[in-house]
Amino acid sequence: MNINLILYVGDQARSREFYAIALGMAPRLDVPGMTEFELGPGCVLGLMPEKGIKHLLPGMPDPQSGSGIPRAEVYLTVPDPAVYHARALAAGARELSPLASRDWGDKAAYSLDPDGHVLAFAAPSK
């Protein structure tokens, strides 16, 4: 099974630059309408302009009307969450919570990406 997670974004170029910096990698695909980052074997994070998705959602609210409202969380387990979190902040993320030990056994830091999606970088607590 492959996993493709797609975030609807207001500005594809802005989100591409943000995630390239925060993830420390170039996208594997970057064409009008879709940018993809390979997070690991069989796991891709996609960025799709929210204005282009409305036609696939007949009778549903326009995703653009929810812009800036946290609509999704991307929780990534990484080798050094402090480094990733710092890159996200440097790229323009808004910090929600600094790196701290969490009740579920991870150390995690939380921020908001430019579209208001929650972004967490975590590692198991030692």
C-alpha atoms as a PDB file:
ATOM      1  CA  MET A   1       0.000   0.000   0.000  1.00  0.00           C
ATOM      2  CA  ASN A   2       1.224   3.466  -0.868  1.00  0.00           C
ATOM      3  CA  ILE A   3       0.118   6.508   1.090  1.00  0.00           C
ATOM      4  CA  ASN A   4      -0.547   9.829  -0.655  1.00  0.00           C
ATOM      5  CA  LEU A   5      -1.520  12.654   1.679  1.00  0.00           C
ATOM      6  CA  ILE A   6      -2.691  15.798  -0.098  1.00  0.00           C
ATOM      7  CA  LEU A   7      -3.044  19.220   1.491  1.00  0.00           C
ATOM      8  CA  TYR A   8      -5.140  21.854  -0.244  1.00  0.00           C
ATOM      9  CA  VAL A   9      -3.102  25.070  -0.355  1.00  0.00           C
ATOM     10  CA  GLY A  10      -3.827  28.659  -1.288  1.00  0.00           C
ATOM     11  CA  ASP A  11      -0.587  29.251  -3.165  1.00  0.00           C
ATOM     12  CA  GLN A  12       1.209  26.198  -4.542  1.00  0.00           C
ATOM     13  CA  ALA A  13       4.538  27.987  -5.092  1.00  0.00           C
ATOM     14  CA  ARG A  14       4.553  29.444  -1.568  1.00  0.00           C
ATOM     15  CA  SER A  15       3.726  26.057  -0.033  1.00  0.00           C
ATOM     16  CA  ARG A  16       6.325  24.296  -2.215  1.00  0.00           C
ATOM     17  CA  GLU A  17       9.033  26.668  -0.961  1.00  0.00           C
ATOM     18  CA  PHE A  18       7.867  26.333   2.640  1.00  0.00           C
ATOM     19  CA  TYR A  19       7.873  22.529   2.625  1.00  0.00           C
ATOM     20  CA  ALA A  20      11.155  22.324   0.701  1.00  0.00           C
ATOM     21  CA  ILE A  21      12.809  24.341   3.483  1.00  0.00           C
ATOM     22  CA  ALA A  22      10.969  22.683   6.396  1.00  0.00           C
ATOM     23  CA  LEU A  23      11.562  19.140   5.106  1.00  0.00           C
ATOM     24  CA  GLY A  24      15.074  19.861   3.865  1.00  0.00           C
ATOM     25  CA  MET A  25      14.361  18.295   0.462  1.00  0.00           C
ATOM     26  CA  ALA A  26      13.347  19.169  -3.054  1.00  0.00           C
ATOM     27  CA  PRO A  27       9.983  17.978  -4.343  1.00  0.00           C
ATOM     28  CA  ARG A  28       9.974  14.818  -6.451  1.00  0.00           C
ATOM     29  CA  LEU A  29       7.249  16.339  -8.645  1.00  0.00           C
ATOM     30  CA  ASP A  30       6.385  19.977  -9.217  1.00  0.00           C
ATOM     31  CA  VAL A  31       3.897  20.697 -11.981  1.00  0.00           C
ATOM     32  CA  PRO A  32       0.941  23.079 -12.184  1.00  0.00           C
ATOM     33  CA  GLY A  33      -1.714  21.626  -9.898  1.00  0.00           C
ATOM     34  CA  MET A  34       0.498  19.303  -7.811  1.00  0.00           C
ATOM     35  CA  THR A  35       3.738  19.304  -5.873  1.00  0.00           C
ATOM     36  CA  GLU A  36       4.889  16.073  -4.207  1.00  0.00           C
ATOM     37  CA  PHE A  37       7.484  15.344  -1.547  1.00  0.00           C
ATOM     38  CA  GLU A  38       8.530  11.740  -0.976  1.00  0.00           C
ATOM     39  CA  LEU A  39       8.535  11.379   2.803  1.00  0.00           C
ATOM     40  CA  GLY A  40       9.640   7.750   2.762  1.00  0.00           C
ATOM     41  CA  PRO A  41       9.102   4.562   0.820  1.00  0.00           C
ATOM     42  CA  GLY A  42       5.509   4.564  -0.369  1.00  0.00           C
ATOM     43  CA  CYS A  43       4.582   7.807   1.425  1.00  0.00           C
ATOM     44  CA  VAL A  44       4.064  11.095  -0.414  1.00  0.00           C
ATOM     45  CA  LEU A  45       2.956  14.531   0.782  1.00  0.00           C
ATOM     46  CA  GLY A  46       1.128  16.369  -1.991  1.00  0.00           C
ATOM     47  CA  LEU A  47       0.285  20.043  -2.257  1.00  0.00           C
ATOM     48  CA  MET A  48      -2.711  20.875  -4.457  1.00  0.00           C
ATOM     49  CA  PRO A  49      -4.123  24.353  -5.072  1.00  0.00           C
ATOM     50  CA  GLU A  50      -7.448  24.576  -3.261  1.00  0.00           C
ATOM     51  CA  LYS A  51      -9.010  26.525  -6.126  1.00  0.00           C
ATOM     52  CA  GLY A  52      -8.546  23.506  -8.396  1.00  0.00           C
ATOM     53  CA  ILE A  53     -10.255  20.968  -6.153  1.00  0.00           C
ATOM     54  CA  LYS A  54     -13.741  22.534  -6.005  1.00  0.00           C
ATOM     55  CA  HIS A  55     -14.909  20.782  -9.190  1.00  0.00           C
ATOM     56  CA  LEU A  56     -14.238  17.393  -7.542  1.00  0.00           C
ATOM     57  CA  LEU A  57     -16.441  18.249  -4.562  1.00  0.00           C
ATOM     58  CA  PRO A  58     -19.914  18.948  -5.975  1.00  0.00           C
ATOM     59  CA  GLY A  59     -22.387  20.139  -3.399  1.00  0.00           C
ATOM     60  CA  MET A  60     -19.711  20.522  -0.711  1.00  0.00           C
ATOM     61  CA  PRO A  61     -18.311  23.716   0.812  1.00  0.00           C
ATOM     62  CA  ASP A  62     -15.530  25.355  -1.168  1.00  0.00           C
ATOM     63  CA  PRO A  63     -12.160  24.487   0.449  1.00  0.00           C
ATOM     64  CA  GLN A  64     -11.080  28.104  -0.093  1.00  0.00           C
ATOM     65  CA  SER A  65     -13.697  29.206   2.441  1.00  0.00           C
ATOM     66  CA  GLY A  66     -11.753  27.340   5.160  1.00  0.00           C
ATOM     67  CA  SER A  67      -8.384  28.897   4.342  1.00  0.00           C
ATOM     68  CA  GLY A  68      -6.398  29.608   7.505  1.00  0.00           C
ATOM     69  CA  ILE A  69      -8.564  27.328   9.638  1.00  0.00           C
ATOM     70  CA  PRO A  70      -6.578  24.295  10.871  1.00  0.00           C
ATOM     71  CA  ARG A  71      -8.070  21.540   8.696  1.00  0.00           C
ATOM     72  CA  ALA A  72      -5.365  18.895   8.909  1.00  0.00           C
ATOM     73  CA  GLU A  73      -2.316  17.841  10.898  1.00  0.00           C
ATOM     74  CA  VAL A  74       0.871  16.485   9.380  1.00  0.00           C
ATOM     75  CA  TYR A  75       2.706  14.560  12.134  1.00  0.00           C
ATOM     76  CA  LEU A  76       6.169  13.475  11.025  1.00  0.00           C
ATOM     77  CA  THR A  77       8.533  11.310  13.040  1.00  0.00           C
ATOM     78  CA  VAL A  78      12.036  12.489  12.178  1.00  0.00           C
ATOM     79  CA  PRO A  79      15.570  11.932  13.515  1.00  0.00           C
ATOM     80  CA  ASP A  80      15.924  15.444  15.013  1.00  0.00           C
ATOM     81  CA  PRO A  81      12.600  17.261  15.447  1.00  0.00           C
ATOM     82  CA  ALA A  82      14.277  20.411  16.771  1.00  0.00           C
ATOM     83  CA  VAL A  83      16.125  20.874  13.465  1.00  0.00           C
ATOM     84  CA  TYR A  84      12.987  20.351  11.379  1.00  0.00           C
ATOM     85  CA  HIS A  85      10.912  22.615  13.620  1.00  0.00           C
ATOM     86  CA  ALA A  86      13.538  25.372  13.419  1.00  0.00           C
ATOM     87  CA  ARG A  87      13.568  25.125   9.609  1.00  0.00           C
ATOM     88  CA  ALA A  88       9.772  25.359   9.526  1.00  0.00           C
ATOM     89  CA  LEU A  89       9.855  28.481  11.698  1.00  0.00           C
ATOM     90  CA  ALA A  90      12.593  29.994   9.524  1.00  0.00           C
ATOM     91  CA  ALA A  91      10.431  29.305   6.469  1.00  0.00           C
ATOM     92  CA  GLY A  92       7.515  31.233   7.989  1.00  0.00           C
ATOM     93  CA  ALA A  93       5.600  28.757  10.152  1.00  0.00           C
ATOM     94  CA  ARG A  94       3.871  30.084  13.260  1.00  0.00           C
ATOM     95  CA  GLU A  95       4.909  28.214  16.386  1.00  0.00           C
ATOM     96  CA  LEU A  96       2.114  26.591  18.359  1.00  0.00           C
ATOM     97  CA  SER A  97       4.241  24.664  20.862  1.00  0.00           C
ATOM     98  CA  PRO A  98       8.005  24.234  21.176  1.00  0.00           C
ATOM     99  CA  LEU A  99       9.652  20.830  21.344  1.00  0.00           C
ATOM    100  CA  ALA A 100       8.497  19.104  24.520  1.00  0.00           C
ATOM    101  CA  SER A 101       7.845  15.634  25.898  1.00  0.00           C
ATOM    102  CA  ARG A 102       4.276  14.535  25.245  1.00  0.00           C
ATOM    103  CA  ASP A 103       2.023  12.158  27.200  1.00  0.00           C
ATOM    104  CA  TRP A 104       2.094   9.555  24.404  1.00  0.00           C
ATOM    105  CA  GLY A 105       5.861   9.072  24.601  1.00  0.00           C
ATOM    106  CA  ASP A 106       7.144  11.387  21.866  1.00  0.00           C
ATOM    107  CA  LYS A 107       8.993  14.670  21.978  1.00  0.00           C
ATOM    108  CA  ALA A 108       7.134  16.877  19.524  1.00  0.00           C
ATOM    109  CA  ALA A 109       7.067  20.482  18.331  1.00  0.00           C
ATOM    110  CA  TYR A 110       4.014  22.028  16.680  1.00  0.00           C
ATOM    111  CA  SER A 111       3.560  24.890  14.232  1.00  0.00           C
ATOM    112  CA  LEU A 112       1.151  26.144  11.560  1.00  0.00           C
ATOM    113  CA  ASP A 113       2.163  26.123   7.898  1.00  0.00           C
ATOM    114  CA  PRO A 114       1.270  29.113   5.665  1.00  0.00           C
ATOM    115  CA  ASP A 115      -2.211  27.675   5.017  1.00  0.00           C
ATOM    116  CA  GLY A 116      -2.988  26.985   8.672  1.00  0.00           C
ATOM    117  CA  HIS A 117      -2.366  23.233   8.610  1.00  0.00           C
ATOM    118  CA  VAL A 118      -0.868  21.918  11.843  1.00  0.00           C
ATOM    119  CA  LEU A 119       2.674  20.628  11.319  1.00  0.00           C
ATOM    120  CA  ALA A 120       4.362  18.502  13.973  1.00  0.00           C
ATOM    121  CA  PHE A 121       7.873  17.112  14.033  1.00  0.00           C
ATOM    122  CA  ALA A 122       8.448  14.362  16.578  1.00  0.00           C
ATOM    123  CA  ALA A 123      10.754  11.616  17.796  1.00  0.00           C
ATOM    124  CA  PRO A 124      10.268   8.945  20.445  1.00  0.00           C
ATOM    125  CA  SER A 125      11.354  10.143  23.880  1.00  0.00           C
ATOM    126  CA  LYS A 126      14.452   8.397  25.151  1.00  0.00           C
END
